[in-house]
Amino acid sequence: MTAAPTGHTLRVTVLVGNPRPGSRTFTTAVRAAEALVERVRPELGEAVSSVTVSAVDLASLGGDLLAAEPTEGVAGALAATQGADLLLVGSPAYKGTFTGVLKVFLDRLPHLALGGVLAIPVLVAGAPHHLTSLDAGLGPVLTEVGASLPVEAFAVLEGDLVALDQVLDPWVRRVVPGVVEAIRARLA
């Protein structure tokens, strides 16, 4: 008798570059990952046996991000980021683009370190014009370190956070087919 094939453990990492620990951006990105996994997992069938979701709040690493050699916390965050199949990268609008703390972290990644990782920006902004500048700044940096951006970013205005699930739902429905296709291609 042949054993049933076992599927891949889908590794989802939420990376948030807000300088405030436990920020609304962190909560938003984690919720976006949960909502996405909820809809994507059934679509993947036996190709995925389980899903792990981890979250990295860069605010908790503080000055360690600037240390010459990675501390244990920074090394763990880098490993979680590089080991992800699906990476949600959250940032608030800061000075017209994403935060410096996120840029410092991404700068620690070796060239093409995210090769094959599927990345989705999660953006929180105070005004509509900030949403496009955030996405235009973060997307190219993620691509530069090798990530693939298979679907549109999740972008939300601060004022809409009170109804986050209502904003998330239409986005999740739009992006699920693209995420499923990209994960299947990654696992093939």
Protein backbone atom coordinates (compact mmCIF):
# COMPACT_ATOMS: atom_id res chain seq x y z
CA MET A 1 0.00 0.00 0.00
CA THR A 2 1.34 3.44 -0.96
CA ALA A 3 1.29 6.19 1.61
CA ALA A 4 -0.87 9.19 0.82
CA PRO A 5 1.21 12.11 -0.44
CA THR A 6 1.85 14.76 2.13
CA GLY A 7 1.52 18.37 1.19
CA HIS A 8 3.74 21.32 1.82
CA THR A 9 3.52 23.43 4.96
CA LEU A 10 2.68 26.89 3.67
CA ARG A 11 4.76 29.43 5.57
CA VAL A 12 3.12 32.84 5.85
CA THR A 13 5.06 35.68 7.44
CA VAL A 14 3.71 39.11 8.34
CA LEU A 15 6.49 41.72 8.45
CA VAL A 16 5.50 45.13 9.81
CA GLY A 17 7.68 48.22 9.73
CA ASN A 18 5.83 50.62 11.97
CA PRO A 19 8.06 52.25 14.61
CA ARG A 20 5.28 51.85 17.21
CA PRO A 21 4.97 48.37 18.79
CA GLY A 22 1.55 46.75 18.43
CA SER A 23 0.46 49.41 15.94
CA ARG A 24 -2.74 49.57 13.91
CA THR A 25 -0.57 48.67 10.91
CA PHE A 26 0.52 45.49 12.70
CA THR A 27 -3.08 44.57 13.55
CA THR A 28 -4.18 45.32 9.97
CA ALA A 29 -1.44 43.23 8.37
CA VAL A 30 -2.05 40.27 10.67
CA ARG A 31 -5.78 40.42 9.99
CA ALA A 32 -5.12 40.62 6.21
CA ALA A 33 -2.95 37.50 6.45
CA GLU A 34 -5.62 35.64 8.43
CA ALA A 35 -8.38 36.61 5.98
CA LEU A 36 -6.24 35.60 3.01
CA VAL A 37 -5.22 32.25 4.51
CA GLU A 38 -8.86 31.55 5.38
CA ARG A 39 -9.82 31.75 1.69
CA VAL A 40 -6.62 30.47 0.05
CA ARG A 41 -6.11 27.32 2.14
CA PRO A 42 -9.21 25.44 0.89
CA GLU A 43 -8.35 26.33 -2.71
CA LEU A 44 -4.94 24.67 -2.44
CA GLY A 45 -6.34 21.29 -1.46
CA GLU A 46 -3.81 18.51 -0.80
CA ALA A 47 -0.91 20.57 -2.15
CA VAL A 48 -0.75 22.17 1.31
CA SER A 49 -0.98 20.02 4.41
CA SER A 50 -0.78 22.86 6.91
CA VAL A 51 -0.24 26.58 7.27
CA THR A 52 1.98 28.42 9.72
CA VAL A 53 1.60 32.15 10.25
CA SER A 54 4.28 34.15 12.02
CA ALA A 55 4.49 37.88 12.61
CA VAL A 56 7.51 40.16 12.91
CA ASP A 57 6.93 43.56 14.49
CA LEU A 58 10.09 45.48 13.62
CA ALA A 59 9.36 48.02 16.36
CA SER A 60 10.28 45.34 18.89
CA LEU A 61 13.80 45.14 17.41
CA GLY A 62 14.55 48.85 17.83
CA GLY A 63 18.22 49.79 17.66
CA ASP A 64 19.23 46.17 17.04
CA LEU A 65 18.33 46.75 13.40
CA LEU A 66 21.38 49.02 13.13
CA ALA A 67 23.86 46.72 14.89
CA ALA A 68 26.86 45.74 12.76
CA GLU A 69 26.13 42.04 13.32
CA PRO A 70 22.56 40.77 13.51
CA THR A 71 21.33 40.12 17.02
CA GLU A 72 19.34 36.97 17.72
CA GLY A 73 16.07 38.87 17.20
CA VAL A 74 17.15 40.41 13.90
CA ALA A 75 18.54 37.08 12.66
CA GLY A 76 15.22 35.42 13.52
CA ALA A 77 13.28 38.12 11.68
CA LEU A 78 15.53 37.78 8.63
CA ALA A 79 15.11 33.99 8.66
CA ALA A 80 11.32 34.22 8.97
CA THR A 81 11.21 36.71 6.11
CA GLN A 82 13.48 34.70 3.82
CA GLY A 83 11.78 31.40 4.71
CA ALA A 84 8.27 32.57 3.85
CA ASP A 85 6.26 31.26 0.96
CA LEU A 86 3.89 34.21 1.33
CA LEU A 87 5.07 37.49 2.89
CA LEU A 88 2.74 40.33 3.82
CA VAL A 89 4.76 43.51 4.32
CA GLY A 90 3.00 46.24 6.29
CA SER A 91 3.85 49.90 6.59
CA PRO A 92 2.06 53.13 7.37
CA ALA A 93 2.53 56.17 5.18
CA TYR A 94 5.63 57.96 6.44
CA LYS A 95 7.00 61.09 4.80
CA GLY A 96 5.35 60.20 1.51
CA THR A 97 6.39 56.54 1.38
CA PHE A 98 7.06 53.58 3.70
CA THR A 99 8.95 53.77 7.01
CA GLY A 100 12.68 53.98 7.52
CA VAL A 101 12.59 51.09 9.99
CA LEU A 102 11.24 48.86 7.22
CA LYS A 103 13.86 50.14 4.75
CA VAL A 104 16.67 49.50 7.25
CA PHE A 105 15.44 45.92 7.71
CA LEU A 106 15.04 45.28 3.97
CA ASP A 107 18.54 46.68 3.41
CA ARG A 108 19.91 43.90 5.66
CA LEU A 109 18.69 41.27 3.20
CA PRO A 110 21.30 39.97 0.77
CA HIS A 111 20.78 40.58 -2.96
CA LEU A 112 17.80 38.50 -4.20
CA ALA A 113 17.33 37.00 -0.72
CA LEU A 114 13.57 36.87 -1.30
CA GLY A 115 13.89 35.00 -4.60
CA GLY A 116 10.64 33.12 -5.11
CA VAL A 117 8.89 34.62 -2.07
CA LEU A 118 5.42 35.92 -2.89
CA ALA A 119 5.05 39.35 -1.31
CA ILE A 120 2.00 41.54 -0.78
CA PRO A 121 2.33 45.08 0.58
CA VAL A 122 -0.19 46.07 3.27
CA LEU A 123 -0.45 49.82 3.43
CA VAL A 124 -2.16 52.11 5.94
CA ALA A 125 -2.46 55.79 5.06
CA GLY A 126 -4.03 58.93 6.44
CA ALA A 127 -4.98 60.35 3.03
CA PRO A 128 -5.82 58.80 -0.36
CA HIS A 129 -2.80 60.29 -2.15
CA HIS A 130 -0.48 58.50 0.31
CA LEU A 131 -1.71 55.08 -0.82
CA THR A 132 -0.23 55.31 -4.30
CA SER A 133 3.10 56.72 -3.12
CA LEU A 134 3.42 53.95 -0.55
CA ASP A 135 2.82 51.21 -3.10
CA ALA A 136 5.05 52.88 -5.69
CA GLY A 137 7.91 53.02 -3.18
CA LEU A 138 7.61 49.64 -1.48
CA GLY A 139 6.90 47.45 -4.52
CA PRO A 140 10.20 48.21 -6.31
CA VAL A 141 12.23 47.61 -3.12
CA LEU A 142 10.60 44.21 -2.61
CA THR A 143 11.25 43.34 -6.25
CA GLU A 144 14.88 44.46 -5.87
CA VAL A 145 15.43 41.89 -3.12
CA GLY A 146 13.89 39.20 -5.30
CA ALA A 147 10.28 39.00 -4.15
CA SER A 148 7.47 38.37 -6.59
CA LEU A 149 4.41 40.60 -6.26
CA PRO A 150 1.65 38.48 -7.79
CA VAL A 151 -1.34 40.59 -6.75
CA GLU A 152 -2.32 44.13 -5.82
CA ALA A 153 -1.38 45.56 -2.45
CA PHE A 154 -3.95 45.85 0.33
CA ALA A 155 -4.28 49.56 0.94
CA VAL A 156 -6.54 51.07 3.57
CA LEU A 157 -7.16 54.54 4.93
CA GLU A 158 -6.87 55.04 8.68
CA GLY A 159 -10.50 56.16 8.78
CA ASP A 160 -11.61 52.80 7.34
CA LEU A 161 -9.86 50.72 10.00
CA VAL A 162 -13.02 50.75 12.15
CA ALA A 163 -14.64 48.58 9.45
CA LEU A 164 -11.54 46.60 8.52
CA ASP A 165 -13.27 43.32 7.68
CA GLN A 166 -15.65 45.12 5.33
CA VAL A 167 -12.67 46.65 3.50
CA LEU A 168 -10.68 43.41 3.53
CA ASP A 169 -13.38 41.16 2.13
CA PRO A 170 -13.59 42.58 -1.42
CA TRP A 171 -9.79 42.73 -1.66
CA VAL A 172 -9.42 39.12 -0.54
CA ARG A 173 -12.02 37.97 -3.10
CA ARG A 174 -10.12 39.81 -5.87
CA VAL A 175 -6.68 38.50 -5.03
CA VAL A 176 -7.37 34.88 -4.02
CA PRO A 177 -7.16 33.51 -7.60
CA GLY A 178 -3.79 35.21 -8.21
CA VAL A 179 -2.39 34.12 -4.83
CA VAL A 180 -3.51 30.52 -5.35
CA GLU A 181 -1.99 30.44 -8.83
CA ALA A 182 1.30 31.92 -7.57
CA ILE A 183 1.51 29.48 -4.63
CA ARG A 184 0.80 26.52 -6.90
CA ALA A 185 3.56 27.66 -9.25
CA ARG A 186 5.96 28.09 -6.32
CA LEU A 187 5.22 24.60 -5.01
CA ALA A 188 5.40 22.90 -8.40
